[in-house]
Amino acid sequence: MDDTHMGIDFGAKLAGTTAVAMVRDGALRLWQSEKGKDADSWLLYLIAELQPKVIFLDAPLSLPKVYAREAFTTASDFFYRQADREVQAMSPMFIGGLTARAIKLRTQLAAQGIAVLETYPSQANRLLFPHLQGYKKSLAALPTYAGALQGLLSCPLPIPPANWHQVDAILAWNSSYRHLHHQAILYGDPKEGVVIV
């Protein structure tokens, strides 16, 4: 049972939508930030307490390559990275504040020796549960997803997810598990930014 990996659904700073999944005492446990409180401070505190070695984060960790590695041309993509297009994700530029917070978090944690890798739970859902309906659309679908997740996981999930943020945290953690066991799919250009699912 790997208790060194953490999955995070990274939400808006004060929205109470940042959720974390990590193995503790042989089971996958869930944590979630509180609405109105600083999710970044809470997350840094939780990471210091749980001591993961690798974090799989649901947020962009780089910008389109045009901003760092090539001259501007009319063909330059100013909005999307190759990985964003491959997994049908939002532009890191559109969610600029969240992207900046995620890159800052990655930098802070790298200084502590903690690796932060990018994942995308929506793509994991498409890969793992193409037969299920209602993902992020209705709370009524949560029990079906909780059952499907339990069947997928290598460890027990004693408390089922209470919302879609927690489902995404579990999917982020599962991407880390897949990566650890050489089952993950990598999307994008390594020189620009890779999404691991």
N, C-alpha and C. Protein backbone atom coordinates (compact mmCIF):
# COMPACT_ATOMS: atom_id res chain seq x y z
N MET A 1 0.84 -1.18 0.00
CA MET A 1 0.00 0.00 0.00
C MET A 1 0.88 1.24 0.00
N ASP A 2 0.75 2.10 -1.02
CA ASP A 2 1.61 3.26 -1.12
C ASP A 2 1.01 4.45 -0.39
N ASP A 3 1.70 4.89 0.66
CA ASP A 3 1.22 6.04 1.41
C ASP A 3 2.12 7.25 1.22
N THR A 4 2.80 7.29 0.07
CA THR A 4 3.69 8.43 -0.21
C THR A 4 3.12 9.35 -1.29
N HIS A 5 2.03 8.94 -1.93
CA HIS A 5 1.44 9.72 -3.01
C HIS A 5 0.15 10.39 -2.53
N MET A 6 -0.08 11.60 -3.04
CA MET A 6 -1.27 12.38 -2.70
C MET A 6 -1.93 12.85 -3.98
N GLY A 7 -3.25 12.82 -4.03
CA GLY A 7 -4.01 13.39 -5.14
C GLY A 7 -4.74 14.63 -4.66
N ILE A 8 -4.70 15.70 -5.45
CA ILE A 8 -5.34 16.95 -5.05
C ILE A 8 -6.21 17.49 -6.18
N ASP A 9 -7.46 17.78 -5.85
CA ASP A 9 -8.32 18.58 -6.72
C ASP A 9 -8.17 20.01 -6.23
N PHE A 10 -7.51 20.83 -7.01
CA PHE A 10 -7.11 22.19 -6.61
C PHE A 10 -8.20 23.17 -6.99
N GLY A 11 -8.84 23.75 -5.98
CA GLY A 11 -9.95 24.66 -6.24
C GLY A 11 -9.60 26.12 -5.99
N ALA A 12 -10.58 26.99 -6.12
CA ALA A 12 -10.40 28.41 -5.85
C ALA A 12 -9.99 28.60 -4.39
N LYS A 13 -9.25 29.65 -4.14
CA LYS A 13 -8.58 29.83 -2.85
C LYS A 13 -9.52 29.83 -1.65
N LEU A 14 -10.68 30.47 -1.78
CA LEU A 14 -11.59 30.61 -0.63
C LEU A 14 -12.89 29.84 -0.80
N ALA A 15 -13.00 29.04 -1.84
CA ALA A 15 -14.29 28.40 -2.16
C ALA A 15 -14.58 27.13 -1.36
N GLY A 16 -13.58 26.59 -0.68
CA GLY A 16 -13.80 25.33 0.04
C GLY A 16 -13.89 24.13 -0.89
N THR A 17 -13.25 24.24 -2.05
CA THR A 17 -13.36 23.18 -3.06
C THR A 17 -12.06 22.44 -3.32
N THR A 18 -11.04 22.70 -2.52
CA THR A 18 -9.79 21.94 -2.65
C THR A 18 -9.93 20.66 -1.84
N ALA A 19 -9.76 19.53 -2.51
CA ALA A 19 -9.92 18.22 -1.85
C ALA A 19 -8.65 17.40 -2.04
N VAL A 20 -8.37 16.55 -1.05
CA VAL A 20 -7.15 15.76 -1.01
C VAL A 20 -7.49 14.30 -0.76
N ALA A 21 -6.78 13.40 -1.44
CA ALA A 21 -6.90 11.96 -1.20
C ALA A 21 -5.51 11.39 -0.98
N MET A 22 -5.38 10.56 0.06
CA MET A 22 -4.09 9.93 0.34
C MET A 22 -4.31 8.71 1.23
N VAL A 23 -3.47 7.71 1.07
CA VAL A 23 -3.58 6.50 1.89
C VAL A 23 -3.03 6.78 3.28
N ARG A 24 -3.82 6.42 4.28
CA ARG A 24 -3.42 6.48 5.68
C ARG A 24 -3.99 5.25 6.38
N ASP A 25 -3.14 4.54 7.11
CA ASP A 25 -3.57 3.35 7.86
C ASP A 25 -4.26 2.33 6.95
N GLY A 26 -3.71 2.15 5.75
CA GLY A 26 -4.20 1.11 4.85
C GLY A 26 -5.47 1.43 4.09
N ALA A 27 -5.97 2.67 4.20
CA ALA A 27 -7.20 3.05 3.50
C ALA A 27 -7.02 4.41 2.85
N LEU A 28 -7.78 4.66 1.79
CA LEU A 28 -7.73 5.96 1.13
C LEU A 28 -8.61 6.93 1.90
N ARG A 29 -8.01 7.99 2.40
CA ARG A 29 -8.70 9.00 3.21
C ARG A 29 -8.90 10.28 2.41
N LEU A 30 -9.90 11.05 2.81
CA LEU A 30 -10.23 12.29 2.12
C LEU A 30 -10.21 13.47 3.08
N TRP A 31 -9.75 14.62 2.60
CA TRP A 31 -9.77 15.88 3.34
C TRP A 31 -10.29 16.94 2.39
N GLN A 32 -10.91 18.01 2.94
CA GLN A 32 -11.37 19.11 2.09
C GLN A 32 -11.26 20.43 2.84
N SER A 33 -10.86 21.47 2.09
CA SER A 33 -10.72 22.80 2.68
C SER A 33 -12.10 23.35 3.06
N GLU A 34 -12.08 24.37 3.91
CA GLU A 34 -13.32 25.00 4.36
C GLU A 34 -13.59 26.27 3.57
N LYS A 35 -14.86 26.49 3.26
CA LYS A 35 -15.25 27.70 2.53
C LYS A 35 -14.89 28.93 3.37
N GLY A 36 -14.32 29.94 2.70
CA GLY A 36 -13.98 31.18 3.36
C GLY A 36 -12.60 31.18 4.01
N LYS A 37 -11.93 30.03 4.01
CA LYS A 37 -10.59 29.94 4.59
C LYS A 37 -9.57 29.71 3.47
N ASP A 38 -8.35 30.16 3.69
CA ASP A 38 -7.29 30.11 2.70
C ASP A 38 -6.88 28.66 2.41
N ALA A 39 -7.29 28.16 1.24
CA ALA A 39 -7.01 26.76 0.87
C ALA A 39 -5.52 26.50 0.70
N ASP A 40 -4.76 27.50 0.25
CA ASP A 40 -3.33 27.30 0.02
C ASP A 40 -2.60 27.08 1.34
N SER A 41 -2.91 27.90 2.35
CA SER A 41 -2.30 27.74 3.68
C SER A 41 -2.70 26.40 4.28
N TRP A 42 -3.99 26.07 4.17
CA TRP A 42 -4.49 24.79 4.68
C TRP A 42 -3.75 23.62 4.02
N LEU A 43 -3.58 23.72 2.70
CA LEU A 43 -2.95 22.65 1.94
C LEU A 43 -1.48 22.48 2.35
N LEU A 44 -0.77 23.58 2.51
CA LEU A 44 0.63 23.49 2.93
C LEU A 44 0.75 22.86 4.32
N TYR A 45 -0.18 23.21 5.20
CA TYR A 45 -0.19 22.62 6.55
C TYR A 45 -0.45 21.11 6.47
N LEU A 46 -1.44 20.72 5.66
CA LEU A 46 -1.79 19.30 5.52
C LEU A 46 -0.64 18.51 4.90
N ILE A 47 0.02 19.08 3.90
CA ILE A 47 1.15 18.42 3.26
C ILE A 47 2.29 18.23 4.27
N ALA A 48 2.53 19.25 5.09
CA ALA A 48 3.57 19.14 6.11
C ALA A 48 3.24 18.03 7.11
N GLU A 49 1.96 17.87 7.40
CA GLU A 49 1.53 16.84 8.35
C GLU A 49 1.60 15.44 7.74
N LEU A 50 1.14 15.29 6.50
CA LEU A 50 1.04 13.96 5.89
C LEU A 50 2.33 13.51 5.20
N GLN A 51 3.20 14.45 4.84
CA GLN A 51 4.51 14.15 4.26
C GLN A 51 4.48 13.29 2.99
N PRO A 52 3.70 13.67 1.97
CA PRO A 52 3.78 12.92 0.71
C PRO A 52 5.13 13.17 0.04
N LYS A 53 5.51 12.23 -0.81
CA LYS A 53 6.74 12.39 -1.60
C LYS A 53 6.40 12.90 -3.00
N VAL A 54 5.21 12.51 -3.48
CA VAL A 54 4.75 12.90 -4.82
C VAL A 54 3.30 13.33 -4.73
N ILE A 55 2.98 14.45 -5.38
CA ILE A 55 1.62 14.96 -5.41
C ILE A 55 1.16 15.03 -6.86
N PHE A 56 -0.03 14.52 -7.12
CA PHE A 56 -0.65 14.66 -8.43
C PHE A 56 -1.74 15.71 -8.30
N LEU A 57 -1.55 16.84 -8.98
CA LEU A 57 -2.37 18.03 -8.82
C LEU A 57 -3.22 18.27 -10.05
N ASP A 58 -4.50 18.53 -9.81
CA ASP A 58 -5.42 18.84 -10.89
C ASP A 58 -5.40 20.35 -11.13
N ALA A 59 -4.35 20.82 -11.78
CA ALA A 59 -4.21 22.24 -12.14
C ALA A 59 -3.04 22.37 -13.10
N PRO A 60 -3.08 23.36 -13.99
CA PRO A 60 -1.95 23.55 -14.90
C PRO A 60 -0.68 23.92 -14.15
N LEU A 61 0.43 23.32 -14.53
CA LEU A 61 1.71 23.59 -13.89
C LEU A 61 2.71 24.24 -14.84
N SER A 62 2.22 24.66 -15.99
CA SER A 62 3.08 25.36 -16.96
C SER A 62 2.18 26.18 -17.88
N LEU A 63 2.82 27.02 -18.68
CA LEU A 63 2.12 27.87 -19.65
C LEU A 63 2.41 27.38 -21.06
N PRO A 64 1.61 27.81 -22.05
CA PRO A 64 1.94 27.46 -23.43
C PRO A 64 3.37 27.88 -23.77
N LYS A 65 4.04 27.07 -24.55
CA LYS A 65 5.47 27.26 -24.81
C LYS A 65 5.80 28.60 -25.46
N VAL A 66 4.83 29.21 -26.09
CA VAL A 66 5.09 30.49 -26.76
C VAL A 66 5.60 31.53 -25.77
N TYR A 67 5.24 31.42 -24.51
CA TYR A 67 5.64 32.43 -23.53
C TYR A 67 7.07 32.26 -23.03
N ALA A 68 7.69 31.15 -23.35
CA ALA A 68 9.04 30.94 -22.84
C ALA A 68 10.04 30.45 -23.88
N ARG A 69 9.57 29.77 -24.91
CA ARG A 69 10.52 29.00 -25.71
C ARG A 69 10.49 29.28 -27.21
N GLU A 70 9.70 30.21 -27.64
CA GLU A 70 9.72 30.45 -29.09
C GLU A 70 9.33 31.90 -29.38
N ALA A 71 9.71 32.36 -30.54
CA ALA A 71 9.32 33.70 -30.97
C ALA A 71 7.85 33.69 -31.38
N PHE A 72 7.18 34.81 -31.15
CA PHE A 72 5.76 34.89 -31.53
C PHE A 72 5.63 34.88 -33.05
N THR A 73 4.68 34.07 -33.54
CA THR A 73 4.33 34.08 -34.95
C THR A 73 2.81 34.01 -35.03
N THR A 74 2.29 34.17 -36.22
CA THR A 74 0.84 34.08 -36.38
C THR A 74 0.32 32.67 -36.10
N ALA A 75 1.21 31.68 -36.16
CA ALA A 75 0.81 30.29 -35.89
C ALA A 75 0.96 29.91 -34.41
N SER A 76 1.52 30.80 -33.59
CA SER A 76 1.73 30.48 -32.17
C SER A 76 0.40 30.27 -31.45
N ASP A 77 0.40 29.32 -30.52
CA ASP A 77 -0.79 29.08 -29.71
C ASP A 77 -0.60 29.82 -28.39
N PHE A 78 -1.34 30.90 -28.21
CA PHE A 78 -1.21 31.74 -27.02
C PHE A 78 -2.12 31.28 -25.89
N PHE A 79 -2.96 30.29 -26.13
CA PHE A 79 -3.95 29.90 -25.14
C PHE A 79 -3.76 28.50 -24.57
N TYR A 80 -3.43 27.55 -25.43
CA TYR A 80 -3.40 26.14 -25.01
C TYR A 80 -2.03 25.52 -25.17
N ARG A 81 -1.72 24.61 -24.26
CA ARG A 81 -0.57 23.73 -24.43
C ARG A 81 -1.04 22.51 -25.24
N GLN A 82 -0.12 21.77 -25.76
CA GLN A 82 -0.48 20.55 -26.49
C GLN A 82 -1.29 19.61 -25.59
N ALA A 83 -0.89 19.47 -24.33
CA ALA A 83 -1.59 18.58 -23.39
C ALA A 83 -3.02 19.02 -23.18
N ASP A 84 -3.28 20.34 -23.10
CA ASP A 84 -4.63 20.84 -22.90
C ASP A 84 -5.53 20.43 -24.06
N ARG A 85 -4.98 20.53 -25.26
CA ARG A 85 -5.76 20.15 -26.43
C ARG A 85 -6.04 18.64 -26.44
N GLU A 86 -5.05 17.86 -26.05
CA GLU A 86 -5.21 16.39 -26.08
C GLU A 86 -6.24 15.90 -25.06
N VAL A 87 -6.32 16.55 -23.89
CA VAL A 87 -7.27 16.09 -22.87
C VAL A 87 -8.51 16.98 -22.78
N GLN A 88 -8.62 17.96 -23.69
CA GLN A 88 -9.76 18.87 -23.74
C GLN A 88 -9.92 19.67 -22.44
N ALA A 89 -8.79 20.17 -21.94
CA ALA A 89 -8.79 20.96 -20.71
C ALA A 89 -8.93 22.44 -21.03
N MET A 90 -9.28 23.21 -19.99
CA MET A 90 -9.32 24.66 -20.14
C MET A 90 -7.92 25.21 -20.35
N SER A 91 -7.86 26.37 -20.94
CA SER A 91 -6.58 27.04 -21.13
C SER A 91 -6.01 27.48 -19.79
N PRO A 92 -4.70 27.26 -19.56
CA PRO A 92 -4.07 27.78 -18.35
C PRO A 92 -4.19 29.30 -18.26
N MET A 93 -4.35 29.96 -19.40
CA MET A 93 -4.48 31.41 -19.42
C MET A 93 -5.87 31.83 -18.95
N PHE A 94 -6.88 31.05 -19.28
CA PHE A 94 -8.26 31.36 -18.88
C PHE A 94 -8.41 31.27 -17.36
N ILE A 95 -7.74 30.30 -16.75
CA ILE A 95 -7.79 30.13 -15.30
C ILE A 95 -6.47 30.59 -14.70
N GLY A 96 -6.05 31.79 -15.12
CA GLY A 96 -4.73 32.31 -14.80
C GLY A 96 -4.39 32.35 -13.31
N GLY A 97 -5.33 32.79 -12.47
CA GLY A 97 -5.06 32.86 -11.03
C GLY A 97 -4.79 31.49 -10.44
N LEU A 98 -5.58 30.51 -10.83
CA LEU A 98 -5.40 29.14 -10.33
C LEU A 98 -4.08 28.57 -10.84
N THR A 99 -3.77 28.85 -12.11
CA THR A 99 -2.50 28.40 -12.69
C THR A 99 -1.32 28.98 -11.92
N ALA A 100 -1.37 30.28 -11.63
CA ALA A 100 -0.28 30.93 -10.91
C ALA A 100 -0.12 30.34 -9.51
N ARG A 101 -1.23 30.10 -8.82
CA ARG A 101 -1.17 29.50 -7.49
C ARG A 101 -0.58 28.09 -7.55
N ALA A 102 -0.95 27.32 -8.57
CA ALA A 102 -0.45 25.94 -8.71
C ALA A 102 1.04 25.93 -8.99
N ILE A 103 1.51 26.82 -9.86
CA ILE A 103 2.95 26.87 -10.16
C ILE A 103 3.72 27.33 -8.93
N LYS A 104 3.17 28.27 -8.19
CA LYS A 104 3.81 28.72 -6.94
C LYS A 104 3.90 27.56 -5.95
N LEU A 105 2.80 26.82 -5.79
CA LEU A 105 2.78 25.67 -4.88
C LEU A 105 3.84 24.64 -5.29
N ARG A 106 3.90 24.36 -6.58
CA ARG A 106 4.90 23.39 -7.08
C ARG A 106 6.31 23.86 -6.73
N THR A 107 6.58 25.15 -6.89
CA THR A 107 7.90 25.70 -6.60
C THR A 107 8.22 25.61 -5.11
N GLN A 108 7.25 25.95 -4.27
CA GLN A 108 7.44 25.86 -2.82
C GLN A 108 7.74 24.43 -2.40
N LEU A 109 6.98 23.47 -2.92
CA LEU A 109 7.14 22.08 -2.52
C LEU A 109 8.42 21.46 -3.10
N ALA A 110 8.81 21.89 -4.29
CA ALA A 110 10.06 21.39 -4.88
C ALA A 110 11.24 21.74 -3.97
N ALA A 111 11.19 22.90 -3.35
CA ALA A 111 12.26 23.31 -2.43
C ALA A 111 12.33 22.41 -1.21
N GLN A 112 11.24 21.69 -0.93
CA GLN A 112 11.19 20.75 0.20
C GLN A 112 11.43 19.31 -0.25
N GLY A 113 11.70 19.13 -1.54
CA GLY A 113 11.94 17.78 -2.07
C GLY A 113 10.69 17.00 -2.40
N ILE A 114 9.56 17.70 -2.53
CA ILE A 114 8.29 17.04 -2.87
C ILE A 114 7.98 17.30 -4.34
N ALA A 115 7.81 16.24 -5.10
CA ALA A 115 7.50 16.38 -6.53
C ALA A 115 6.01 16.66 -6.70
N VAL A 116 5.69 17.58 -7.60
CA VAL A 116 4.30 17.88 -7.95
C VAL A 116 4.15 17.68 -9.44
N LEU A 117 3.27 16.77 -9.81
CA LEU A 117 3.02 16.43 -11.21
C LEU A 117 1.57 16.78 -11.55
N GLU A 118 1.33 17.06 -12.81
CA GLU A 118 0.01 17.49 -13.25
C GLU A 118 -0.82 16.30 -13.72
N THR A 119 -2.08 16.30 -13.31
CA THR A 119 -3.03 15.29 -13.77
C THR A 119 -4.34 15.97 -14.15
N TYR A 120 -5.26 15.21 -14.70
CA TYR A 120 -6.54 15.79 -15.13
C TYR A 120 -7.65 14.76 -14.91
N PRO A 121 -8.36 14.85 -13.76
CA PRO A 121 -9.38 13.85 -13.42
C PRO A 121 -10.48 13.67 -14.46
N SER A 122 -10.83 14.73 -15.19
CA SER A 122 -11.87 14.57 -16.21
C SER A 122 -11.44 13.58 -17.29
N GLN A 123 -10.17 13.60 -17.65
CA GLN A 123 -9.65 12.63 -18.62
C GLN A 123 -9.61 11.24 -18.00
N ALA A 124 -9.24 11.17 -16.72
CA ALA A 124 -9.26 9.86 -16.03
C ALA A 124 -10.66 9.29 -16.04
N ASN A 125 -11.65 10.12 -15.81
CA ASN A 125 -13.04 9.66 -15.85
C ASN A 125 -13.39 9.12 -17.23
N ARG A 126 -12.99 9.85 -18.28
CA ARG A 126 -13.30 9.38 -19.64
C ARG A 126 -12.64 8.04 -19.93
N LEU A 127 -11.41 7.86 -19.44
CA LEU A 127 -10.69 6.61 -19.68
C LEU A 127 -11.26 5.44 -18.89
N LEU A 128 -11.54 5.68 -17.60
CA LEU A 128 -11.88 4.60 -16.68
C LEU A 128 -13.37 4.29 -16.62
N PHE A 129 -14.21 5.29 -16.81
CA PHE A 129 -15.65 5.10 -16.63
C PHE A 129 -16.47 5.62 -17.82
N PRO A 130 -16.13 5.20 -19.04
CA PRO A 130 -16.88 5.72 -20.19
C PRO A 130 -18.35 5.31 -20.18
N HIS A 131 -18.66 4.27 -19.42
CA HIS A 131 -20.02 3.76 -19.37
C HIS A 131 -20.89 4.47 -18.33
N LEU A 132 -20.30 5.27 -17.46
CA LEU A 132 -21.07 5.94 -16.40
C LEU A 132 -21.54 7.32 -16.87
N GLN A 133 -22.71 7.71 -16.39
CA GLN A 133 -23.30 8.99 -16.75
C GLN A 133 -23.40 9.89 -15.52
N GLY A 134 -23.36 11.19 -15.73
CA GLY A 134 -23.63 12.14 -14.66
C GLY A 134 -22.41 12.71 -13.97
N TYR A 135 -21.21 12.45 -14.49
CA TYR A 135 -19.99 12.97 -13.87
C TYR A 135 -20.06 14.49 -13.76
N LYS A 136 -19.95 14.99 -12.55
CA LYS A 136 -19.98 16.42 -12.22
C LYS A 136 -21.29 17.11 -12.60
N LYS A 137 -22.31 16.34 -12.89
CA LYS A 137 -23.58 16.94 -13.30
C LYS A 137 -24.64 16.84 -12.22
N SER A 138 -24.59 15.79 -11.42
CA SER A 138 -25.64 15.58 -10.44
C SER A 138 -25.09 14.83 -9.22
N LEU A 139 -25.46 15.29 -8.04
CA LEU A 139 -25.06 14.58 -6.82
C LEU A 139 -25.68 13.19 -6.77
N ALA A 140 -26.78 13.00 -7.50
CA ALA A 140 -27.44 11.69 -7.52
C ALA A 140 -26.54 10.62 -8.12
N ALA A 141 -25.57 11.03 -8.95
CA ALA A 141 -24.66 10.06 -9.56
C ALA A 141 -23.49 9.69 -8.64
N LEU A 142 -23.31 10.42 -7.53
CA LEU A 142 -22.18 10.16 -6.63
C LEU A 142 -22.11 8.72 -6.12
N PRO A 143 -23.22 8.12 -5.65
CA PRO A 143 -23.12 6.74 -5.17
C PRO A 143 -22.63 5.76 -6.24
N THR A 144 -23.06 5.95 -7.48
CA THR A 144 -22.61 5.09 -8.57
C THR A 144 -21.10 5.24 -8.77
N TYR A 145 -20.62 6.47 -8.75
CA TYR A 145 -19.19 6.72 -8.91
C TYR A 145 -18.41 6.19 -7.71
N ALA A 146 -18.96 6.37 -6.51
CA ALA A 146 -18.28 5.86 -5.31
C ALA A 146 -18.09 4.35 -5.42
N GLY A 147 -19.11 3.64 -5.88
CA GLY A 147 -19.02 2.20 -6.06
C GLY A 147 -18.00 1.83 -7.13
N ALA A 148 -18.01 2.58 -8.23
CA ALA A 148 -17.06 2.30 -9.32
C ALA A 148 -15.63 2.57 -8.86
N LEU A 149 -15.44 3.64 -8.11
CA LEU A 149 -14.11 3.96 -7.59
C LEU A 149 -13.61 2.88 -6.64
N GLN A 150 -14.50 2.42 -5.75
CA GLN A 150 -14.10 1.38 -4.80
C GLN A 150 -13.67 0.11 -5.54
N GLY A 151 -14.35 -0.20 -6.64
CA GLY A 151 -13.97 -1.36 -7.43
C GLY A 151 -12.65 -1.19 -8.15
N LEU A 152 -12.27 0.05 -8.39
CA LEU A 152 -11.05 0.36 -9.12
C LEU A 152 -9.83 0.43 -8.20
N LEU A 153 -10.03 0.88 -6.98
CA LEU A 153 -8.93 1.18 -6.07
C LEU A 153 -8.27 -0.08 -5.52
N SER A 154 -7.00 0.07 -5.19
CA SER A 154 -6.23 -1.04 -4.63
C SER A 154 -6.32 -1.09 -3.11
N CYS A 155 -7.10 -0.17 -2.53
CA CYS A 155 -7.24 -0.11 -1.07
C CYS A 155 -8.67 0.30 -0.74
N PRO A 156 -9.11 0.07 0.49
CA PRO A 156 -10.48 0.44 0.86
C PRO A 156 -10.68 1.96 0.88
N LEU A 157 -11.89 2.35 0.63
CA LEU A 157 -12.32 3.75 0.72
C LEU A 157 -13.44 3.79 1.76
N PRO A 158 -13.08 3.89 3.06
CA PRO A 158 -14.07 3.71 4.12
C PRO A 158 -15.18 4.74 4.14
N ILE A 159 -14.88 5.98 3.73
CA ILE A 159 -15.91 7.03 3.68
C ILE A 159 -16.05 7.46 2.23
N PRO A 160 -17.21 7.24 1.63
CA PRO A 160 -17.37 7.58 0.21
C PRO A 160 -17.28 9.08 -0.01
N PRO A 161 -16.94 9.50 -1.23
CA PRO A 161 -16.84 10.93 -1.52
C PRO A 161 -18.18 11.62 -1.33
N ALA A 162 -18.13 12.82 -0.75
CA ALA A 162 -19.35 13.58 -0.46
C ALA A 162 -19.69 14.56 -1.58
N ASN A 163 -18.75 14.78 -2.51
CA ASN A 163 -18.99 15.73 -3.60
C ASN A 163 -18.02 15.42 -4.74
N TRP A 164 -18.16 16.16 -5.83
CA TRP A 164 -17.34 15.90 -7.02
C TRP A 164 -15.89 16.31 -6.83
N HIS A 165 -15.63 17.24 -5.94
CA HIS A 165 -14.23 17.62 -5.66
C HIS A 165 -13.49 16.44 -5.05
N GLN A 166 -14.15 15.73 -4.16
CA GLN A 166 -13.54 14.56 -3.55
C GLN A 166 -13.39 13.43 -4.56
N VAL A 167 -14.33 13.28 -5.47
CA VAL A 167 -14.19 12.29 -6.55
C VAL A 167 -12.95 12.61 -7.37
N ASP A 168 -12.77 13.90 -7.71
CA ASP A 168 -11.61 14.28 -8.51
C ASP A 168 -10.31 14.08 -7.74
N ALA A 169 -10.32 14.30 -6.43
CA ALA A 169 -9.12 14.03 -5.63
C ALA A 169 -8.77 12.54 -5.68
N ILE A 170 -9.79 11.69 -5.63
CA ILE A 170 -9.56 10.24 -5.72
C ILE A 170 -9.02 9.88 -7.10
N LEU A 171 -9.59 10.46 -8.14
CA LEU A 171 -9.11 10.20 -9.50
C LEU A 171 -7.67 10.71 -9.66
N ALA A 172 -7.34 11.84 -9.04
CA ALA A 172 -5.96 12.34 -9.09
C ALA A 172 -5.03 11.36 -8.38
N TRP A 173 -5.45 10.87 -7.21
CA TRP A 173 -4.63 9.88 -6.50
C TRP A 173 -4.48 8.61 -7.35
N ASN A 174 -5.55 8.19 -8.00
CA ASN A 174 -5.48 6.97 -8.81
C ASN A 174 -4.52 7.16 -10.00
N SER A 175 -4.44 8.37 -10.54
CA SER A 175 -3.46 8.63 -11.60
C SER A 175 -2.04 8.45 -11.06
N SER A 176 -1.82 8.84 -9.80
CA SER A 176 -0.50 8.63 -9.21
C SER A 176 -0.21 7.14 -9.06
N TYR A 177 -1.23 6.38 -8.67
CA TYR A 177 -1.09 4.93 -8.53
C TYR A 177 -0.78 4.30 -9.89
N ARG A 178 -1.51 4.74 -10.93
CA ARG A 178 -1.28 4.23 -12.28
C ARG A 178 0.14 4.56 -12.74
N HIS A 179 0.60 5.76 -12.43
CA HIS A 179 1.95 6.18 -12.82
C HIS A 179 3.00 5.33 -12.12
N LEU A 180 2.80 5.10 -10.84
CA LEU A 180 3.73 4.30 -10.04
C LEU A 180 3.84 2.87 -10.57
N HIS A 181 2.73 2.36 -11.12
CA HIS A 181 2.69 0.99 -11.63
C HIS A 181 2.81 0.92 -13.15
N HIS A 182 3.34 1.96 -13.76
CA HIS A 182 3.63 2.00 -15.20
C HIS A 182 2.38 1.75 -16.05
N GLN A 183 1.23 2.26 -15.60
CA GLN A 183 -0.02 2.11 -16.35
C GLN A 183 -0.55 3.45 -16.86
N ALA A 184 0.12 4.54 -16.50
CA ALA A 184 -0.39 5.87 -16.83
C ALA A 184 -0.18 6.21 -18.30
N ILE A 185 -1.00 7.12 -18.78
CA ILE A 185 -0.86 7.68 -20.12
C ILE A 185 -0.37 9.11 -19.94
N LEU A 186 0.64 9.50 -20.72
CA LEU A 186 1.18 10.86 -20.67
C LEU A 186 0.71 11.62 -21.89
N TYR A 187 0.19 12.81 -21.65
CA TYR A 187 -0.30 13.67 -22.73
C TYR A 187 0.56 14.93 -22.80
N GLY A 188 0.76 15.42 -24.01
CA GLY A 188 1.45 16.67 -24.17
C GLY A 188 2.91 16.54 -24.58
N ASP A 189 3.59 17.68 -24.58
CA ASP A 189 4.99 17.80 -24.98
C ASP A 189 5.82 17.99 -23.71
N PRO A 190 6.75 17.09 -23.41
CA PRO A 190 7.57 17.21 -22.19
C PRO A 190 8.29 18.54 -22.07
N LYS A 191 8.56 19.20 -23.19
CA LYS A 191 9.25 20.50 -23.13
C LYS A 191 8.30 21.62 -22.74
N GLU A 192 6.98 21.34 -22.80
CA GLU A 192 5.99 22.38 -22.52
C GLU A 192 5.20 22.08 -21.26
N GLY A 193 4.91 20.82 -21.01
CA GLY A 193 4.11 20.44 -19.86
C GLY A 193 3.33 19.17 -20.16
N VAL A 194 3.46 18.19 -19.27
CA VAL A 194 2.82 16.89 -19.47
C VAL A 194 1.70 16.70 -18.44
N VAL A 195 0.61 16.13 -18.89
CA VAL A 195 -0.51 15.72 -18.02
C VAL A 195 -0.45 14.20 -17.92
N ILE A 196 -0.45 13.69 -16.69
CA ILE A 196 -0.33 12.24 -16.46
C ILE A 196 -1.66 11.71 -15.93
N VAL A 197 -2.19 10.70 -16.60
CA VAL A 197 -3.48 10.13 -16.21
C VAL A 197 -3.33 8.62 -16.10
